[in-house]
């Protein structure tokens, strides 16, 4: 059967999922996320990703069913905690290192957040996948850094500013491109941490 309907999600959803190597799967995921960053979520199609990765669109439909499911899978596959391994021995230096790490990937992730903005608000699965991939792991890693600072006695466990540190750092990552038209690069984020975050915690 070679009709257009045969390539659609309704027809192929019941078909047996094809065997795709992890390397090939990574190629598909990288392609769809990069196209979203470049063109926006609405402009990206399964057909476009298929063409860019030299595969049939039925392969993508058979493997992931729909575009939102495909994008959600790509987001979950990109889960990475950039703050892992940060442990300098002091809270101030840990937060500076976290700022450098966040600044290094801020441009790429900010473009993805902006491109997914409207779609994420309308699709609960996409929203959940975005949180699982790019938000929750980083917030938990920051909280671990803060807990170590509390355990070392650098800041009181009940300090009122502790709970707002993730919001401060992630907030400025999202806000600077809007307010100033520039990404929050590593130098900017380190200055922000030193001028706003550390004083709020009572650190110098």
C-alpha atoms as a PDB file:
ATOM      1  CA  UNK A   1       0.000   0.000   0.000  1.00  0.00           C
ATOM      2  CA  UNK A   2       1.563   3.308  -1.055  1.00  0.00           C
ATOM      3  CA  UNK A   3      -1.164   5.869  -0.492  1.00  0.00           C
ATOM      4  CA  UNK A   4      -0.554   8.955   1.637  1.00  0.00           C
ATOM      5  CA  UNK A   5      -2.826   7.487   4.293  1.00  0.00           C
ATOM      6  CA  UNK A   6      -0.418   4.615   4.708  1.00  0.00           C
ATOM      7  CA  UNK A   7       2.189   7.063   5.932  1.00  0.00           C
ATOM      8  CA  UNK A   8      -0.079   8.758   8.477  1.00  0.00           C
ATOM      9  CA  UNK A   9      -0.052   8.161  12.222  1.00  0.00           C
ATOM     10  CA  UNK A  10      -3.493   6.549  12.252  1.00  0.00           C
ATOM     11  CA  UNK A  11      -2.458   3.759   9.918  1.00  0.00           C
ATOM     12  CA  UNK A  12       1.014   3.077  11.240  1.00  0.00           C
ATOM     13  CA  UNK A  13       0.315   3.454  14.959  1.00  0.00           C
ATOM     14  CA  UNK A  14      -0.812  -0.147  15.159  1.00  0.00           C
ATOM     15  CA  UNK A  15       2.175  -1.391  13.180  1.00  0.00           C
ATOM     16  CA  UNK A  16       5.095  -3.031  14.845  1.00  0.00           C
ATOM     17  CA  UNK A  17       7.699  -0.517  16.032  1.00  0.00           C
ATOM     18  CA  UNK A  18      10.809  -0.612  13.926  1.00  0.00           C
ATOM     19  CA  UNK A  19      14.206  -1.389  15.357  1.00  0.00           C
ATOM     20  CA  UNK A  20      16.287   1.774  15.460  1.00  0.00           C
ATOM     21  CA  UNK A  21      19.818   1.852  16.810  1.00  0.00           C
ATOM     22  CA  UNK A  22      20.560   4.236  19.705  1.00  0.00           C
ATOM     23  CA  UNK A  23      22.838   6.214  17.387  1.00  0.00           C
ATOM     24  CA  UNK A  24      20.108   6.611  14.780  1.00  0.00           C
ATOM     25  CA  UNK A  25      17.558   7.505  17.440  1.00  0.00           C
ATOM     26  CA  UNK A  26      19.925  10.195  18.749  1.00  0.00           C
ATOM     27  CA  UNK A  27      20.198  11.567  15.215  1.00  0.00           C
ATOM     28  CA  UNK A  28      16.407  11.851  14.970  1.00  0.00           C
ATOM     29  CA  UNK A  29      16.139  13.514  18.380  1.00  0.00           C
ATOM     30  CA  UNK A  30      18.942  15.990  17.670  1.00  0.00           C
ATOM     31  CA  UNK A  31      17.363  16.873  14.334  1.00  0.00           C
ATOM     32  CA  UNK A  32      13.904  17.624  15.703  1.00  0.00           C
ATOM     33  CA  UNK A  33      15.208  19.695  18.635  1.00  0.00           C
ATOM     34  CA  UNK A  34      17.535  21.684  16.386  1.00  0.00           C
ATOM     35  CA  UNK A  35      14.712  22.375  13.917  1.00  0.00           C
ATOM     36  CA  UNK A  36      12.500  23.549  16.783  1.00  0.00           C
ATOM     37  CA  UNK A  37      15.228  25.956  17.931  1.00  0.00           C
ATOM     38  CA  UNK A  38      15.691  27.281  14.408  1.00  0.00           C
ATOM     39  CA  UNK A  39      12.106  27.425  13.142  1.00  0.00           C
ATOM     40  CA  UNK A  40       9.747  27.122  16.117  1.00  0.00           C
ATOM     41  CA  UNK A  41       7.617  24.190  17.165  1.00  0.00           C
ATOM     42  CA  UNK A  42       4.692  24.887  14.838  1.00  0.00           C
ATOM     43  CA  UNK A  43       6.903  25.012  11.739  1.00  0.00           C
ATOM     44  CA  UNK A  44       8.506  21.643  12.386  1.00  0.00           C
ATOM     45  CA  UNK A  45       6.898  18.629  10.701  1.00  0.00           C
ATOM     46  CA  UNK A  46       7.548  14.911  10.777  1.00  0.00           C
ATOM     47  CA  UNK A  47       8.087  15.146   7.033  1.00  0.00           C
ATOM     48  CA  UNK A  48      10.759  17.815   7.498  1.00  0.00           C
ATOM     49  CA  UNK A  49      12.630  15.796  10.112  1.00  0.00           C
ATOM     50  CA  UNK A  50      12.386  12.713   7.894  1.00  0.00           C
ATOM     51  CA  UNK A  51      13.872  14.619   4.963  1.00  0.00           C
ATOM     52  CA  UNK A  52      16.729  16.047   7.025  1.00  0.00           C
ATOM     53  CA  UNK A  53      17.632  12.634   8.440  1.00  0.00           C
ATOM     54  CA  UNK A  54      17.084  10.744   5.169  1.00  0.00           C
ATOM     55  CA  UNK A  55      14.374   8.397   6.372  1.00  0.00           C
ATOM     56  CA  UNK A  56      10.710   7.860   5.555  1.00  0.00           C
ATOM     57  CA  UNK A  57       8.133   9.746   7.561  1.00  0.00           C
ATOM     58  CA  UNK A  58       6.391   6.420   8.199  1.00  0.00           C
ATOM     59  CA  UNK A  59       9.460   5.373  10.190  1.00  0.00           C
ATOM     60  CA  UNK A  60       8.984   8.308  12.547  1.00  0.00           C
ATOM     61  CA  UNK A  61       5.226   7.786  12.824  1.00  0.00           C
ATOM     62  CA  UNK A  62       5.682   4.078  13.441  1.00  0.00           C
ATOM     63  CA  UNK A  63       8.236   4.708  16.174  1.00  0.00           C
ATOM     64  CA  UNK A  64       6.608   7.658  17.981  1.00  0.00           C
ATOM     65  CA  UNK A  65       3.042   7.982  16.702  1.00  0.00           C
ATOM     66  CA  UNK A  66       2.610  11.760  16.698  1.00  0.00           C
ATOM     67  CA  UNK A  67       4.740  14.873  16.568  1.00  0.00           C
ATOM     68  CA  UNK A  68       4.086  15.818  20.238  1.00  0.00           C
ATOM     69  CA  UNK A  69       5.063  12.299  21.342  1.00  0.00           C
ATOM     70  CA  UNK A  70       8.180  12.445  19.176  1.00  0.00           C
ATOM     71  CA  UNK A  71       9.236  15.811  20.604  1.00  0.00           C
ATOM     72  CA  UNK A  72       8.494  14.674  24.162  1.00  0.00           C
ATOM     73  CA  UNK A  73      10.706  11.615  23.640  1.00  0.00           C
ATOM     74  CA  UNK A  74      13.471  13.824  22.232  1.00  0.00           C
ATOM     75  CA  UNK A  75      13.269  16.133  25.246  1.00  0.00           C
ATOM     76  CA  UNK A  76      13.411  13.264  27.727  1.00  0.00           C
ATOM     77  CA  UNK A  77      16.396  11.776  25.911  1.00  0.00           C
ATOM     78  CA  UNK A  78      18.297  15.054  26.354  1.00  0.00           C
ATOM     79  CA  UNK A  79      18.000  15.030  30.138  1.00  0.00           C
ATOM     80  CA  UNK A  80      21.346  16.132  31.501  1.00  0.00           C
ATOM     81  CA  UNK A  81      22.356  17.699  34.784  1.00  0.00           C
ATOM     82  CA  UNK A  82      25.046  20.232  33.980  1.00  0.00           C
ATOM     83  CA  UNK A  83      25.719  20.887  37.650  1.00  0.00           C
ATOM     84  CA  UNK A  84      26.822  17.333  38.446  1.00  0.00           C
ATOM     85  CA  UNK A  85      30.316  17.182  39.875  1.00  0.00           C
ATOM     86  CA  UNK A  86      30.325  20.747  41.211  1.00  0.00           C
ATOM     87  CA  UNK A  87      31.743  20.550  44.734  1.00  0.00           C
ATOM     88  CA  UNK A  88      34.498  23.077  45.371  1.00  0.00           C
ATOM     89  CA  UNK A  89      34.204  22.957  49.141  1.00  0.00           C
ATOM     90  CA  UNK A  90      32.476  26.311  49.588  1.00  0.00           C
ATOM     91  CA  UNK A  91      28.954  27.403  48.757  1.00  0.00           C
ATOM     92  CA  UNK A  92      30.071  30.643  47.139  1.00  0.00           C
ATOM     93  CA  UNK A  93      32.436  28.929  44.715  1.00  0.00           C
ATOM     94  CA  UNK A  94      29.899  26.169  43.998  1.00  0.00           C
ATOM     95  CA  UNK A  95      27.356  28.799  42.970  1.00  0.00           C
ATOM     96  CA  UNK A  96      29.934  30.571  40.814  1.00  0.00           C
ATOM     97  CA  UNK A  97      30.709  27.277  39.057  1.00  0.00           C
ATOM     98  CA  UNK A  98      26.993  26.605  38.609  1.00  0.00           C
ATOM     99  CA  UNK A  99      26.643  30.068  37.066  1.00  0.00           C
ATOM    100  CA  UNK A 100      29.459  29.353  34.602  1.00  0.00           C
ATOM    101  CA  UNK A 101      27.894  26.010  33.671  1.00  0.00           C
ATOM    102  CA  UNK A 102      24.438  27.533  33.232  1.00  0.00           C
ATOM    103  CA  UNK A 103      25.829  30.352  31.110  1.00  0.00           C
ATOM    104  CA  UNK A 104      27.601  27.904  28.826  1.00  0.00           C
ATOM    105  CA  UNK A 105      24.330  26.294  27.699  1.00  0.00           C
ATOM    106  CA  UNK A 106      21.904  29.159  28.260  1.00  0.00           C
ATOM    107  CA  UNK A 107      21.641  30.282  24.624  1.00  0.00           C
ATOM    108  CA  UNK A 108      20.778  26.828  23.310  1.00  0.00           C
ATOM    109  CA  UNK A 109      18.244  26.010  26.004  1.00  0.00           C
ATOM    110  CA  UNK A 110      16.677  29.485  25.994  1.00  0.00           C
ATOM    111  CA  UNK A 111      15.976  29.160  22.260  1.00  0.00           C
ATOM    112  CA  UNK A 112      14.334  25.808  22.902  1.00  0.00           C
ATOM    113  CA  UNK A 113      12.193  27.193  25.740  1.00  0.00           C
ATOM    114  CA  UNK A 114      11.081  30.118  23.616  1.00  0.00           C
ATOM    115  CA  UNK A 115      10.324  27.935  20.597  1.00  0.00           C
ATOM    116  CA  UNK A 116       8.249  25.520  22.665  1.00  0.00           C
ATOM    117  CA  UNK A 117       6.502  28.184  24.728  1.00  0.00           C
ATOM    118  CA  UNK A 118       2.974  28.125  23.297  1.00  0.00           C
ATOM    119  CA  UNK A 119       2.945  24.404  22.512  1.00  0.00           C
ATOM    120  CA  UNK A 120       4.052  23.533  26.034  1.00  0.00           C
ATOM    121  CA  UNK A 121       1.144  25.449  27.534  1.00  0.00           C
ATOM    122  CA  UNK A 122      -1.315  23.501  25.355  1.00  0.00           C
ATOM    123  CA  UNK A 123       0.173  20.001  25.613  1.00  0.00           C
ATOM    124  CA  UNK A 124       0.574  18.475  29.108  1.00  0.00           C
ATOM    125  CA  UNK A 125       2.900  15.739  27.842  1.00  0.00           C
ATOM    126  CA  UNK A 126       5.275  18.269  26.300  1.00  0.00           C
ATOM    127  CA  UNK A 127       5.164  20.359  29.463  1.00  0.00           C
ATOM    128  CA  UNK A 128       5.987  17.340  31.592  1.00  0.00           C
ATOM    129  CA  UNK A 129       8.815  16.271  29.267  1.00  0.00           C
ATOM    130  CA  UNK A 130      10.321  19.760  29.284  1.00  0.00           C
ATOM    131  CA  UNK A 131      10.315  19.838  33.085  1.00  0.00           C
ATOM    132  CA  UNK A 132      11.821  16.353  33.301  1.00  0.00           C
ATOM    133  CA  UNK A 133      14.553  17.162  30.788  1.00  0.00           C
ATOM    134  CA  UNK A 134      15.605  20.735  31.417  1.00  0.00           C
ATOM    135  CA  UNK A 135      14.152  22.023  34.667  1.00  0.00           C
ATOM    136  CA  UNK A 136      13.715  19.496  37.469  1.00  0.00           C
ATOM    137  CA  UNK A 137      17.215  17.921  37.289  1.00  0.00           C
ATOM    138  CA  UNK A 138      18.913  21.316  37.398  1.00  0.00           C
ATOM    139  CA  UNK A 139      16.775  22.610  40.261  1.00  0.00           C
ATOM    140  CA  UNK A 140      17.465  19.476  42.308  1.00  0.00           C
ATOM    141  CA  UNK A 141      21.205  19.773  41.605  1.00  0.00           C
ATOM    142  CA  UNK A 142      21.162  23.392  42.798  1.00  0.00           C
ATOM    143  CA  UNK A 143      19.291  22.370  45.930  1.00  0.00           C
ATOM    144  CA  UNK A 144      21.948  19.751  46.634  1.00  0.00           C
ATOM    145  CA  UNK A 145      24.619  22.447  46.372  1.00  0.00           C
ATOM    146  CA  UNK A 146      22.654  24.575  48.832  1.00  0.00           C
ATOM    147  CA  UNK A 147      22.154  21.639  51.226  1.00  0.00           C
ATOM    148  CA  UNK A 148      25.897  21.036  51.314  1.00  0.00           C
ATOM    149  CA  UNK A 149      26.398  24.685  52.207  1.00  0.00           C
ATOM    150  CA  UNK A 150      23.942  24.292  55.065  1.00  0.00           C
ATOM    151  CA  UNK A 151      25.681  21.113  56.246  1.00  0.00           C
ATOM    152  CA  UNK A 152      29.038  22.926  56.287  1.00  0.00           C
ATOM    153  CA  UNK A 153      27.501  25.673  58.386  1.00  0.00           C
ATOM    154  CA  UNK A 154      27.952  28.388  55.762  1.00  0.00           C
ATOM    155  CA  UNK A 155      24.287  29.365  55.812  1.00  0.00           C
ATOM    156  CA  UNK A 156      21.483  28.648  58.270  1.00  0.00           C
ATOM    157  CA  UNK A 157      19.031  25.921  57.279  1.00  0.00           C
ATOM    158  CA  UNK A 158      16.119  28.315  57.815  1.00  0.00           C
ATOM    159  CA  UNK A 159      17.636  31.205  55.851  1.00  0.00           C
ATOM    160  CA  UNK A 160      14.694  32.707  53.925  1.00  0.00           C
ATOM    161  CA  UNK A 161      16.708  33.257  50.721  1.00  0.00           C
ATOM    162  CA  UNK A 162      17.615  29.588  50.210  1.00  0.00           C
ATOM    163  CA  UNK A 163      14.379  28.582  48.505  1.00  0.00           C
ATOM    164  CA  UNK A 164      14.652  31.410  45.970  1.00  0.00           C
ATOM    165  CA  UNK A 165      18.154  30.698  44.644  1.00  0.00           C
ATOM    166  CA  UNK A 166      16.996  28.393  41.795  1.00  0.00           C
ATOM    167  CA  UNK A 167      14.372  30.970  40.792  1.00  0.00           C
ATOM    168  CA  UNK A 168      17.008  33.703  40.792  1.00  0.00           C
ATOM    169  CA  UNK A 169      19.404  31.796  38.542  1.00  0.00           C
ATOM    170  CA  UNK A 170      16.836  30.356  36.156  1.00  0.00           C
ATOM    171  CA  UNK A 171      14.899  33.603  36.143  1.00  0.00           C
ATOM    172  CA  UNK A 172      17.837  35.657  34.918  1.00  0.00           C
ATOM    173  CA  UNK A 173      18.610  33.008  32.269  1.00  0.00           C
ATOM    174  CA  UNK A 174      15.160  33.531  30.786  1.00  0.00           C
ATOM    175  CA  UNK A 175      14.829  37.252  31.477  1.00  0.00           C
ATOM    176  CA  UNK A 176      18.048  38.722  30.087  1.00  0.00           C
ATOM    177  CA  UNK A 177      17.317  37.865  26.428  1.00  0.00           C
ATOM    178  CA  UNK A 178      13.951  39.617  26.792  1.00  0.00           C
ATOM    179  CA  UNK A 179      15.132  42.631  28.782  1.00  0.00           C
ATOM    180  CA  UNK A 180      18.503  43.273  27.142  1.00  0.00           C
ATOM    181  CA  UNK A 181      18.469  41.268  23.925  1.00  0.00           C
ATOM    182  CA  UNK A 182      21.506  39.256  25.007  1.00  0.00           C
ATOM    183  CA  UNK A 183      22.004  35.781  26.419  1.00  0.00           C
ATOM    184  CA  UNK A 184      23.015  35.340  30.049  1.00  0.00           C
ATOM    185  CA  UNK A 185      26.553  34.166  29.299  1.00  0.00           C
ATOM    186  CA  UNK A 186      28.948  32.770  31.945  1.00  0.00           C
ATOM    187  CA  UNK A 187      30.526  36.128  32.818  1.00  0.00           C
ATOM    188  CA  UNK A 188      27.137  37.787  33.232  1.00  0.00           C
ATOM    189  CA  UNK A 189      25.804  34.983  35.409  1.00  0.00           C
ATOM    190  CA  UNK A 190      28.865  34.962  37.662  1.00  0.00           C
ATOM    191  CA  UNK A 191      28.498  38.719  38.162  1.00  0.00           C
ATOM    192  CA  UNK A 192      24.808  38.203  38.915  1.00  0.00           C
ATOM    193  CA  UNK A 193      25.561  35.513  41.495  1.00  0.00           C
ATOM    194  CA  UNK A 194      28.178  37.702  43.170  1.00  0.00           C
ATOM    195  CA  UNK A 195      25.992  40.829  43.161  1.00  0.00           C
ATOM    196  CA  UNK A 196      22.583  39.336  43.972  1.00  0.00           C
ATOM    197  CA  UNK A 197      22.617  35.688  45.065  1.00  0.00           C
ATOM    198  CA  UNK A 198      25.548  35.593  47.500  1.00  0.00           C
ATOM    199  CA  UNK A 199      24.562  38.793  49.334  1.00  0.00           C
ATOM    200  CA  UNK A 200      21.018  37.470  49.691  1.00  0.00           C
ATOM    201  CA  UNK A 201      22.503  34.418  51.444  1.00  0.00           C
ATOM    202  CA  UNK A 202      24.714  36.549  53.645  1.00  0.00           C
ATOM    203  CA  UNK A 203      27.891  35.446  51.795  1.00  0.00           C
ATOM    204  CA  UNK A 204      30.627  37.583  50.311  1.00  0.00           C
END
